[in-house]
């Protein structure tokens, strides 16, 4: 179980670390990294606004994944299979919420 624990903690920390440059507006529009959809790639102002918002949500998703992995690790009576499935559900739910919120926010941004 320790290997799965480490995997989810490191994965959550990686998502958190990758979100920081987006929040700090250090990543210009590019084809590889960031909230890359047509609307963000066509307008620098939309790019930065959407990436700051999405970055904050990803930061929270990473933290939720880490906290979930830690909390579930210390939950009594969980088998390896249940622990792995529960961590997967936490990570997937957190990322899904982040993506949905970011897409909704993107719809509120206007092109100038």
Protein backbone atom coordinates (compact mmCIF):
# COMPACT_ATOMS: atom_id res chain seq x y z
CA UNK A 1 0.00 0.00 0.00
CA UNK A 2 2.94 2.32 0.60
CA UNK A 3 3.80 2.41 -3.12
CA UNK A 4 0.28 3.51 -4.03
CA UNK A 5 0.34 6.05 -1.20
CA UNK A 6 3.59 7.53 -2.49
CA UNK A 7 2.29 7.53 -6.07
CA UNK A 8 -0.83 9.53 -5.19
CA UNK A 9 1.00 11.95 -2.90
CA UNK A 10 3.71 12.60 -5.50
CA UNK A 11 1.10 12.86 -8.27
CA UNK A 12 -0.92 15.37 -6.27
CA UNK A 13 2.18 17.40 -5.48
CA UNK A 14 3.16 17.35 -9.17
CA UNK A 15 -0.24 18.71 -10.20
CA UNK A 16 0.08 21.38 -7.51
CA UNK A 17 3.59 22.33 -8.66
CA UNK A 18 2.56 22.48 -12.33
CA UNK A 19 -0.29 24.84 -11.47
CA UNK A 20 1.92 27.49 -9.82
CA UNK A 21 3.44 28.97 -13.02
CA UNK A 22 -0.07 29.21 -14.49
CA UNK A 23 -1.32 31.10 -11.44
CA UNK A 24 1.68 33.43 -11.62
CA UNK A 25 1.07 34.18 -15.33
CA UNK A 26 4.55 32.92 -16.22
CA UNK A 27 3.38 30.67 -19.06
CA UNK A 28 2.60 32.46 -22.34
CA UNK A 29 0.24 30.95 -24.90
CA UNK A 30 1.80 27.80 -26.29
CA UNK A 31 0.75 24.47 -27.81
CA UNK A 32 1.98 22.28 -24.91
CA UNK A 33 1.23 23.56 -21.41
CA UNK A 34 -1.74 25.37 -19.93
CA UNK A 35 -5.49 25.62 -20.45
CA UNK A 36 -5.30 25.18 -24.20
CA UNK A 37 -8.53 25.60 -26.09
CA UNK A 38 -9.26 27.70 -29.15
CA UNK A 39 -10.57 30.66 -27.14
CA UNK A 40 -7.46 30.85 -24.93
CA UNK A 41 -5.02 30.37 -27.80
CA UNK A 42 -6.61 33.15 -29.86
CA UNK A 43 -6.43 35.89 -27.20
CA UNK A 44 -3.58 36.57 -24.74
CA UNK A 45 -5.88 38.29 -22.22
CA UNK A 46 -8.23 35.31 -22.22
CA UNK A 47 -5.23 32.95 -22.00
CA UNK A 48 -3.91 34.53 -18.82
CA UNK A 49 -7.30 34.98 -17.16
CA UNK A 50 -8.36 31.40 -17.90
CA UNK A 51 -5.01 29.93 -16.88
CA UNK A 52 -4.93 31.78 -13.56
CA UNK A 53 -8.42 30.50 -12.80
CA UNK A 54 -7.69 26.95 -13.99
CA UNK A 55 -4.34 26.97 -12.21
CA UNK A 56 -5.99 27.77 -8.90
CA UNK A 57 -8.44 24.92 -9.41
CA UNK A 58 -5.62 22.53 -10.32
CA UNK A 59 -3.72 23.62 -7.23
CA UNK A 60 -6.77 22.68 -5.16
CA UNK A 61 -7.12 19.38 -7.02
CA UNK A 62 -3.55 18.49 -6.27
CA UNK A 63 -4.00 19.31 -2.60
CA UNK A 64 -7.24 17.32 -2.47
CA UNK A 65 -5.45 14.33 -3.99
CA UNK A 66 -2.63 14.55 -1.44
CA UNK A 67 -4.98 15.04 1.51
CA UNK A 68 -7.25 12.24 0.30
CA UNK A 69 -4.33 9.84 -0.06
CA UNK A 70 -3.08 10.69 3.44
CA UNK A 71 -6.50 10.50 5.09
CA UNK A 72 -7.39 7.24 3.39
CA UNK A 73 -3.99 5.73 4.22
CA UNK A 74 -4.75 6.10 7.91
CA UNK A 75 -8.36 4.94 7.61
CA UNK A 76 -8.69 1.67 9.50
CA UNK A 77 -9.60 -1.53 7.71
CA UNK A 78 -9.06 -0.49 4.08
CA UNK A 79 -7.67 -3.15 1.82
CA UNK A 80 -5.16 -2.31 -0.88
CA UNK A 81 -7.82 -2.53 -3.59
CA UNK A 82 -10.26 -0.28 -1.74
CA UNK A 83 -7.51 2.22 -0.92
CA UNK A 84 -6.34 2.40 -4.54
CA UNK A 85 -9.91 2.78 -5.84
CA UNK A 86 -10.76 5.44 -3.26
CA UNK A 87 -7.63 7.46 -4.12
CA UNK A 88 -8.48 7.19 -7.81
CA UNK A 89 -12.01 8.43 -7.17
CA UNK A 90 -10.74 11.39 -5.12
CA UNK A 91 -8.18 12.40 -7.77
CA UNK A 92 -10.60 11.94 -10.67
CA UNK A 93 -13.40 13.84 -8.93
CA UNK A 94 -11.09 16.73 -8.02
CA UNK A 95 -9.74 17.02 -11.56
CA UNK A 96 -13.21 16.73 -13.09
CA UNK A 97 -14.54 19.51 -10.87
CA UNK A 98 -11.53 21.67 -11.78
CA UNK A 99 -12.06 21.17 -15.51
CA UNK A 100 -15.81 21.81 -15.37
CA UNK A 101 -15.35 24.97 -13.29
CA UNK A 102 -12.61 26.21 -15.63
CA UNK A 103 -14.71 25.62 -18.73
CA UNK A 104 -17.65 27.46 -17.15
CA UNK A 105 -15.39 30.36 -16.24
CA UNK A 106 -14.02 30.42 -19.78
CA UNK A 107 -17.56 30.94 -21.08
CA UNK A 108 -17.82 34.16 -19.06
CA UNK A 109 -14.70 35.66 -20.65
CA UNK A 110 -15.28 37.88 -23.64
CA UNK A 111 -13.03 38.19 -26.63
CA UNK A 112 -11.75 41.74 -27.20
